[in-house]
Amino acid sequence: MAANNAQPKASWRSRLGNFEWKASPYIYIAPFFILFLIVGLFPLIYTVVIATRQYNTLTGDAGLAVCGATCDSTTPSWYGNFQWVLHQPTFYVALRNSVSIFLLSSVPQIIIALWLAWILDANLKAKTFWRMGVLLPYVVAPSAAGIIFSQIFSDKMGAINVVLQEIGLQPIMWHGSTIWSHLAIATIVNWRWIGYNTLILLAAMQAIPRDVLEAAVVDGAGKWRTFRSITLPMLRPTLLFVIITSTIGGLQIFDEPQLFHNAASAGGGPNNQYLTVSLYLYKLGFVNVTPGQPNLGRAAAVAWLLFLIIVAIALLNFYLTQRMASGGRGKGDKKAQKLSAERNEAERQRAIRSGVNARAAAGIE
């Protein structure tokens, strides 16, 4: 009887089918993780190793890093390259330039993208045409954008300087001035990325329930009040994403300053007017190569310092955005709100009970 109740043994075909059913999702996503491991995670970890070594692209590894005469230290240590970089005035100039270009590009970029998304969310004619139109600059290759803007911001015969001379004003030395070079590069960045951020914000706006917006209109709210009180608060998660990605891209900026330089050599200007941290890293690791100098190790140290700076600023952005989402209220305000909510709930329960008692006293079922 026990033998009759025993479960039949599964065949190898059914076991294989069961394994395929369980393993197929992991097999489908495996190529991404394998490629990420090879071209993403391994170089990232290896960069940490290189940053601690006296590594030269010509002579190879020469042991642990040494800061040298810059720090008056000949003791090998894992942080020697970091010490050397932090003692370089050029690094701080590049960091200042990166932050300046980032602020001049990201702040107007997000504001203009938000404004364009609001306009494109309206009931316009030929919606698809206008929405695709704002994305065209993003599709243009960076090299083509560099050629276009090199004709606009040329010091001698650029389009802007020609117009200025025609009206009797002095031409602007775009490549020789720090602030003007930053404005020019920020203009290139904004031209390329405003449309991309616009479509992201537009998609988030279209996900807002229309009945909420219609209720605000019925209550008498105007367009600006509806946008400020309803649309903008509901866009906060998407705005956080846009702000963080703009922060990462803005501080890592490389293409636009190099194309603005408009020369075969590494950019940055004769006096490092628009030298960014990424350009400094590139010049340190692959351009200013001298036998015996641990250029690649120091460039890796610059890369990790830039990574830490970006993480710190991204966390600051996240904190500020969360504060904005909560209306800038502190812990005390949150506790007060919780107590108020509990008090309101207790009053509601008392009202329900008093209503039930009143109905019972009146003999109402």
Protein backbone atom coordinates (compact mmCIF):
# COMPACT_ATOMS: atom_id res chain seq x y z
CA MET A 1 0.00 0.00 0.00
CA ALA A 2 2.88 2.31 0.86
CA ALA A 3 4.48 1.46 -2.44
CA ASN A 4 1.30 2.42 -4.29
CA ASN A 5 1.17 5.83 -2.51
CA ALA A 6 4.81 6.70 -3.39
CA GLN A 7 5.22 9.63 -5.78
CA PRO A 8 6.50 8.69 -9.24
CA LYS A 9 10.09 9.70 -9.86
CA ALA A 10 10.38 12.80 -12.05
CA SER A 11 11.95 12.12 -15.42
CA TRP A 12 15.12 13.90 -16.51
CA ARG A 13 13.08 15.85 -19.07
CA SER A 14 10.74 17.28 -16.41
CA ARG A 15 13.70 18.08 -14.15
CA LEU A 16 15.43 19.84 -17.03
CA GLY A 17 12.26 21.79 -17.80
CA ASN A 18 11.91 22.79 -14.13
CA PHE A 19 15.54 23.93 -14.05
CA GLU A 20 15.06 25.92 -17.26
CA TRP A 21 11.97 27.61 -15.87
CA LYS A 22 13.81 28.65 -12.69
CA ALA A 23 17.15 29.57 -14.29
CA SER A 24 15.98 31.34 -17.46
CA PRO A 25 15.49 34.80 -15.84
CA TYR A 26 19.04 34.71 -14.48
CA ILE A 27 20.40 33.56 -17.84
CA TYR A 28 18.64 36.46 -19.60
CA ILE A 29 20.16 39.09 -17.31
CA ALA A 30 23.56 37.40 -17.00
CA PRO A 31 25.15 39.11 -20.09
CA PHE A 32 24.71 42.54 -18.53
CA PHE A 33 26.32 41.54 -15.23
CA ILE A 34 29.16 39.68 -16.98
CA LEU A 35 29.94 42.73 -19.14
CA PHE A 36 29.65 45.03 -16.13
CA LEU A 37 32.05 42.81 -14.19
CA ILE A 38 34.60 42.89 -17.03
CA VAL A 39 34.39 46.51 -18.22
CA GLY A 40 32.96 48.19 -15.12
CA LEU A 41 33.66 46.63 -11.76
CA PHE A 42 37.12 45.22 -12.51
CA PRO A 43 38.52 48.55 -13.86
CA LEU A 44 36.99 50.34 -10.87
CA ILE A 45 38.69 48.04 -8.37
CA TYR A 46 41.94 48.04 -10.33
CA THR A 47 41.93 51.84 -10.31
CA VAL A 48 42.01 51.69 -6.51
CA VAL A 49 45.12 49.52 -6.72
CA ILE A 50 46.79 51.83 -9.27
CA ALA A 51 46.04 54.88 -7.08
CA THR A 52 48.20 53.40 -4.33
CA ARG A 53 51.18 52.57 -6.58
CA GLN A 54 54.03 54.35 -8.35
CA TYR A 55 52.62 53.37 -11.72
CA ASN A 56 53.91 54.81 -14.99
CA THR A 57 52.48 54.13 -18.44
CA LEU A 58 56.01 53.66 -19.83
CA THR A 59 57.94 51.93 -17.05
CA GLY A 60 55.15 50.10 -15.19
CA ASP A 61 54.78 49.51 -11.44
CA ALA A 62 57.54 50.67 -9.08
CA GLY A 63 55.98 49.83 -5.72
CA LEU A 64 53.92 51.78 -3.22
CA ALA A 65 53.31 55.48 -3.89
CA VAL A 66 55.72 58.15 -2.67
CA CYS A 67 54.72 61.79 -2.42
CA GLY A 68 58.32 62.91 -2.89
CA ALA A 69 59.76 66.41 -2.66
CA THR A 70 56.29 67.95 -2.92
CA CYS A 71 55.48 66.71 0.59
CA ASP A 72 59.06 66.33 1.84
CA SER A 73 58.39 62.62 2.23
CA THR A 74 60.18 59.62 0.73
CA THR A 75 58.28 57.01 2.74
CA PRO A 76 56.24 54.64 0.55
CA SER A 77 52.57 54.56 1.54
CA TRP A 78 49.20 53.76 0.00
CA TYR A 79 48.13 57.42 0.23
CA GLY A 80 51.27 58.97 -1.29
CA ASN A 81 49.59 59.80 -4.61
CA PHE A 82 46.65 61.41 -2.83
CA GLN A 83 49.05 63.56 -0.83
CA TRP A 84 50.82 64.64 -3.99
CA VAL A 85 47.56 65.59 -5.75
CA LEU A 86 46.26 67.55 -2.75
CA HIS A 87 49.48 69.60 -2.74
CA GLN A 88 49.05 70.64 -6.40
CA PRO A 89 47.62 74.16 -6.97
CA THR A 90 46.51 73.06 -10.46
CA PHE A 91 44.14 70.51 -8.92
CA TYR A 92 42.31 73.22 -6.99
CA VAL A 93 42.16 75.44 -10.09
CA ALA A 94 40.62 72.54 -12.02
CA LEU A 95 38.18 71.85 -9.18
CA ARG A 96 37.16 75.54 -9.09
CA ASN A 97 36.61 75.52 -12.85
CA SER A 98 34.57 72.31 -12.70
CA VAL A 99 32.29 73.65 -9.96
CA SER A 100 31.89 76.99 -11.76
CA ILE A 101 30.95 75.37 -15.08
CA PHE A 102 28.68 72.93 -13.24
CA LEU A 103 26.76 75.74 -11.53
CA LEU A 104 26.55 77.86 -14.70
CA SER A 105 25.18 74.92 -16.66
CA SER A 106 23.12 72.74 -14.31
CA VAL A 107 21.09 75.45 -12.55
CA PRO A 108 19.80 77.20 -15.73
CA GLN A 109 19.54 73.81 -17.43
CA ILE A 110 17.08 72.38 -14.89
CA ILE A 111 15.05 75.61 -14.68
CA ILE A 112 14.72 75.91 -18.48
CA ALA A 113 13.98 72.18 -18.84
CA LEU A 114 11.22 72.46 -16.23
CA TRP A 115 9.73 75.48 -18.01
CA LEU A 116 9.85 73.76 -21.43
CA ALA A 117 8.29 70.59 -20.03
CA TRP A 118 5.46 72.68 -18.58
CA ILE A 119 4.86 74.29 -21.98
CA LEU A 120 5.04 70.98 -23.88
CA ASP A 121 2.58 69.44 -21.43
CA ALA A 122 -0.03 71.95 -22.55
CA ASN A 123 -2.51 71.30 -25.34
CA LEU A 124 -0.28 72.38 -28.24
CA LYS A 125 -0.71 71.73 -31.91
CA ALA A 126 1.84 69.30 -33.41
CA LYS A 127 2.88 68.05 -29.96
CA THR A 128 5.10 65.28 -31.31
CA PHE A 129 7.00 67.69 -33.55
CA TRP A 130 7.85 70.07 -30.70
CA ARG A 131 8.69 67.27 -28.30
CA MET A 132 11.06 65.64 -30.77
CA GLY A 133 12.49 69.03 -31.66
CA VAL A 134 13.82 69.68 -28.17
CA LEU A 135 15.70 66.36 -28.30
CA LEU A 136 17.58 67.11 -31.53
CA PRO A 137 20.60 68.80 -29.85
CA TYR A 138 21.06 65.68 -27.71
CA VAL A 139 21.23 63.54 -30.86
CA VAL A 140 23.93 65.73 -32.42
CA ALA A 141 27.42 64.26 -32.00
CA PRO A 142 29.69 66.12 -29.54
CA SER A 143 32.27 66.67 -32.29
CA ALA A 144 29.65 68.34 -34.48
CA ALA A 145 28.53 70.50 -31.55
CA GLY A 146 32.16 71.48 -31.01
CA ILE A 147 32.51 72.62 -34.64
CA ILE A 148 29.27 74.61 -34.44
CA PHE A 149 30.17 76.43 -31.24
CA SER A 150 33.79 76.98 -32.26
CA GLN A 151 32.37 79.17 -35.04
CA ILE A 152 30.12 80.97 -32.58
CA PHE A 153 32.68 81.53 -29.83
CA SER A 154 35.79 82.13 -31.90
CA ASP A 155 37.92 84.96 -30.49
CA LYS A 156 38.58 86.57 -33.88
CA MET A 157 35.77 85.85 -36.31
CA GLY A 158 33.13 84.19 -34.17
CA ALA A 159 29.49 84.99 -34.88
CA ILE A 160 28.97 86.75 -31.55
CA ASN A 161 32.13 88.86 -31.86
CA VAL A 162 31.24 89.86 -35.42
CA VAL A 163 27.86 91.14 -34.20
CA LEU A 164 29.50 92.98 -31.30
CA GLN A 165 31.96 94.70 -33.62
CA GLU A 166 29.16 95.67 -36.00
CA ILE A 167 27.40 97.57 -33.22
CA GLY A 168 30.63 99.21 -32.07
CA LEU A 169 31.50 97.03 -29.05
CA GLN A 170 34.77 95.29 -28.23
CA PRO A 171 35.01 91.58 -29.05
CA ILE A 172 35.06 89.07 -26.21
CA MET A 173 38.14 86.93 -25.68
CA TRP A 174 36.25 83.71 -25.05
CA HIS A 175 39.34 81.53 -24.67
CA GLY A 176 41.44 84.02 -22.73
CA SER A 177 38.99 84.95 -19.96
CA THR A 178 37.99 82.62 -17.15
CA ILE A 179 34.38 83.75 -16.73
CA TRP A 180 33.66 84.07 -20.47
CA SER A 181 35.14 80.65 -21.20
CA HIS A 182 32.99 79.14 -18.44
CA LEU A 183 29.88 80.82 -19.85
CA ALA A 184 30.68 79.56 -23.35
CA ILE A 185 31.23 75.98 -22.18
CA ALA A 186 28.09 76.12 -20.02
CA THR A 187 26.15 77.27 -23.10
CA ILE A 188 27.37 74.19 -25.02
CA VAL A 189 26.35 71.93 -22.13
CA ASN A 190 22.92 73.54 -21.84
CA TRP A 191 22.33 73.32 -25.60
CA ARG A 192 23.05 69.58 -25.56
CA TRP A 193 21.26 68.51 -22.37
CA ILE A 194 18.22 70.77 -21.89
CA GLY A 195 16.11 68.71 -24.30
CA TYR A 196 17.03 65.43 -22.62
CA ASN A 197 16.01 66.68 -19.18
CA THR A 198 12.90 68.29 -20.66
CA LEU A 199 11.59 64.95 -21.92
CA ILE A 200 12.27 63.26 -18.57
CA LEU A 201 10.36 65.98 -16.70
CA LEU A 202 7.60 65.93 -19.35
CA ALA A 203 7.11 62.19 -18.85
CA ALA A 204 6.80 62.77 -15.10
CA MET A 205 4.28 65.60 -15.66
CA GLN A 206 2.13 63.39 -17.86
CA ALA A 207 2.02 60.76 -15.10
CA ILE A 208 0.31 63.24 -12.74
CA PRO A 209 -3.40 62.34 -12.43
CA ARG A 210 -5.45 64.77 -14.50
CA ASP A 211 -8.34 64.74 -12.07
CA VAL A 212 -6.08 66.35 -9.45
CA LEU A 213 -5.21 69.19 -11.84
CA GLU A 214 -8.83 69.57 -12.90
CA ALA A 215 -9.93 69.75 -9.26
CA ALA A 216 -7.46 72.59 -8.70
CA VAL A 217 -8.85 74.46 -11.72
CA VAL A 218 -12.42 73.95 -10.46
CA ASP A 219 -11.34 75.38 -7.09
CA GLY A 220 -10.18 78.52 -8.88
CA ALA A 221 -6.42 77.98 -8.95
CA GLY A 222 -4.59 79.67 -11.80
CA LYS A 223 -1.88 78.09 -13.96
CA TRP A 224 1.00 79.32 -11.83
CA ARG A 225 -0.70 78.30 -8.55
CA THR A 226 -1.50 74.86 -9.99
CA PHE A 227 2.08 74.41 -11.13
CA ARG A 228 3.58 75.61 -7.85
CA SER A 229 1.22 73.81 -5.48
CA ILE A 230 0.45 70.57 -7.34
CA THR A 231 2.73 69.89 -10.32
CA LEU A 232 6.03 70.84 -8.71
CA PRO A 233 5.53 68.84 -5.46
CA MET A 234 4.58 65.74 -7.46
CA LEU A 235 7.71 66.12 -9.60
CA ARG A 236 10.12 65.97 -6.66
CA PRO A 237 11.32 62.34 -7.21
CA THR A 238 12.01 63.06 -10.88
CA LEU A 239 13.64 66.39 -10.04
CA LEU A 240 15.89 64.57 -7.58
CA PHE A 241 16.95 62.18 -10.35
CA VAL A 242 17.61 65.03 -12.78
CA ILE A 243 19.58 67.03 -10.20
CA ILE A 244 21.78 64.08 -9.24
CA THR A 245 22.50 63.06 -12.86
CA SER A 246 23.26 66.69 -13.73
CA THR A 247 25.61 66.87 -10.77
CA ILE A 248 27.46 63.76 -11.84
CA GLY A 249 27.70 64.84 -15.47
CA GLY A 250 28.56 68.45 -14.65
CA LEU A 251 31.47 67.62 -12.36
CA GLN A 252 32.81 64.98 -14.77
CA ILE A 253 32.66 67.32 -17.75
CA PHE A 254 35.31 66.54 -20.36
CA ASP A 255 33.95 66.67 -23.93
CA GLU A 256 32.80 70.28 -23.99
CA PRO A 257 36.01 71.90 -22.62
CA GLN A 258 38.14 69.75 -24.90
CA LEU A 259 36.04 70.65 -27.95
CA PHE A 260 35.99 74.30 -26.90
CA HIS A 261 39.80 74.21 -26.88
CA ASN A 262 39.58 73.50 -30.64
CA ALA A 263 43.08 72.04 -30.92
CA ALA A 264 44.74 68.64 -31.11
CA SER A 265 46.43 69.00 -27.72
CA ALA A 266 44.67 68.59 -24.39
CA GLY A 267 42.59 71.63 -23.49
CA GLY A 268 42.36 73.85 -20.48
CA GLY A 269 43.65 77.14 -21.86
CA PRO A 270 47.12 78.71 -21.62
CA ASN A 271 46.53 79.68 -17.98
CA ASN A 272 44.16 76.79 -17.13
CA GLN A 273 41.15 79.11 -17.45
CA TYR A 274 38.80 76.22 -18.31
CA LEU A 275 40.81 73.23 -17.13
CA THR A 276 38.38 70.81 -15.46
CA VAL A 277 39.23 67.93 -13.13
CA SER A 278 38.58 65.37 -15.89
CA LEU A 279 40.89 67.26 -18.26
CA TYR A 280 43.51 67.52 -15.54
CA LEU A 281 43.23 63.76 -14.96
CA TYR A 282 43.64 63.09 -18.69
CA LYS A 283 46.64 65.40 -19.06
CA LEU A 284 48.28 64.01 -15.94
CA GLY A 285 47.83 60.37 -16.91
CA PHE A 286 48.23 60.33 -20.68
CA VAL A 287 49.71 63.62 -21.95
CA ASN A 288 52.39 64.78 -19.49
CA VAL A 289 54.08 61.38 -19.41
CA THR A 290 57.68 61.36 -18.09
CA PRO A 291 59.71 58.20 -17.44
CA GLY A 292 60.05 57.58 -13.73
CA GLN A 293 57.07 59.72 -12.74
CA PRO A 294 54.04 57.79 -11.40
CA ASN A 295 51.68 59.67 -13.67
CA LEU A 296 49.03 56.96 -13.96
CA GLY A 297 48.92 56.37 -10.22
CA ARG A 298 48.46 60.08 -9.57
CA ALA A 299 45.78 60.28 -12.28
CA ALA A 300 43.96 57.39 -10.59
CA ALA A 301 44.16 59.30 -7.30
CA VAL A 302 42.58 62.32 -9.02
CA ALA A 303 39.81 60.06 -10.33
CA TRP A 304 39.01 58.77 -6.84
CA LEU A 305 39.09 62.24 -5.31
CA LEU A 306 36.65 63.38 -7.99
CA PHE A 307 34.46 60.35 -7.23
CA LEU A 308 34.36 61.22 -3.52
CA ILE A 309 33.55 64.88 -4.28
CA ILE A 310 30.69 63.86 -6.58
CA VAL A 311 29.29 61.46 -3.96
CA ALA A 312 29.45 64.18 -1.29
CA ILE A 313 27.67 66.75 -3.48
CA ALA A 314 25.08 64.17 -4.61
CA LEU A 315 24.31 63.34 -0.98
CA LEU A 316 24.03 67.05 -0.21
CA ASN A 317 21.60 67.45 -3.12
CA PHE A 318 19.59 64.49 -1.86
CA TYR A 319 19.44 65.94 1.65
CA LEU A 320 18.38 69.39 0.43
CA THR A 321 15.76 67.90 -1.89
CA GLN A 322 14.36 65.80 0.94
CA ARG A 323 14.21 68.91 3.13
CA MET A 324 12.35 70.70 0.34
CA ALA A 325 9.96 67.76 0.04
CA SER A 326 9.17 67.98 3.74
CA GLY A 327 8.81 71.75 3.56
CA GLY A 328 11.99 72.33 5.58
CA ARG A 329 10.40 70.95 8.73
CA GLY A 330 12.61 69.50 11.42
CA LYS A 331 12.12 66.56 13.75
CA GLY A 332 10.18 68.67 16.23
CA ASP A 333 7.69 69.65 13.56
CA LYS A 334 7.29 66.04 12.50
CA LYS A 335 6.56 65.01 16.08
CA ALA A 336 4.04 67.83 16.38
CA GLN A 337 2.38 66.66 13.17
CA LYS A 338 2.24 63.10 14.47
CA LEU A 339 0.63 64.24 17.73
CA SER A 340 -1.84 66.37 15.80
CA ALA A 341 -2.76 63.42 13.58
CA GLU A 342 -3.25 61.17 16.61
CA ARG A 343 -5.39 63.84 18.27
CA ASN A 344 -7.54 64.22 15.16
CA GLU A 345 -7.98 60.45 14.91
CA ALA A 346 -9.02 60.25 18.57
CA GLU A 347 -11.58 63.01 18.04
CA ARG A 348 -12.91 61.21 14.98
CA GLN A 349 -13.32 57.97 16.92
CA ARG A 350 -15.13 59.82 19.74
CA ALA A 351 -17.45 61.40 17.18
CA ILE A 352 -18.20 57.99 15.70
CA ARG A 353 -18.91 56.49 19.12
CA SER A 354 -21.10 59.43 20.16
CA GLY A 355 -23.03 59.09 16.94
CA VAL A 356 -23.60 55.39 17.54
CA ASN A 357 -24.74 56.06 21.11
CA ALA A 358 -27.09 58.78 19.97
CA ARG A 359 -28.63 56.46 17.37
CA ALA A 360 -29.04 53.70 19.98
CA ALA A 361 -30.75 56.11 22.40
CA ALA A 362 -33.18 57.18 19.70
CA GLY A 363 -33.94 53.57 18.86
CA ILE A 364 -32.58 53.82 15.32
CA GLU A 365 -31.15 50.57 13.98
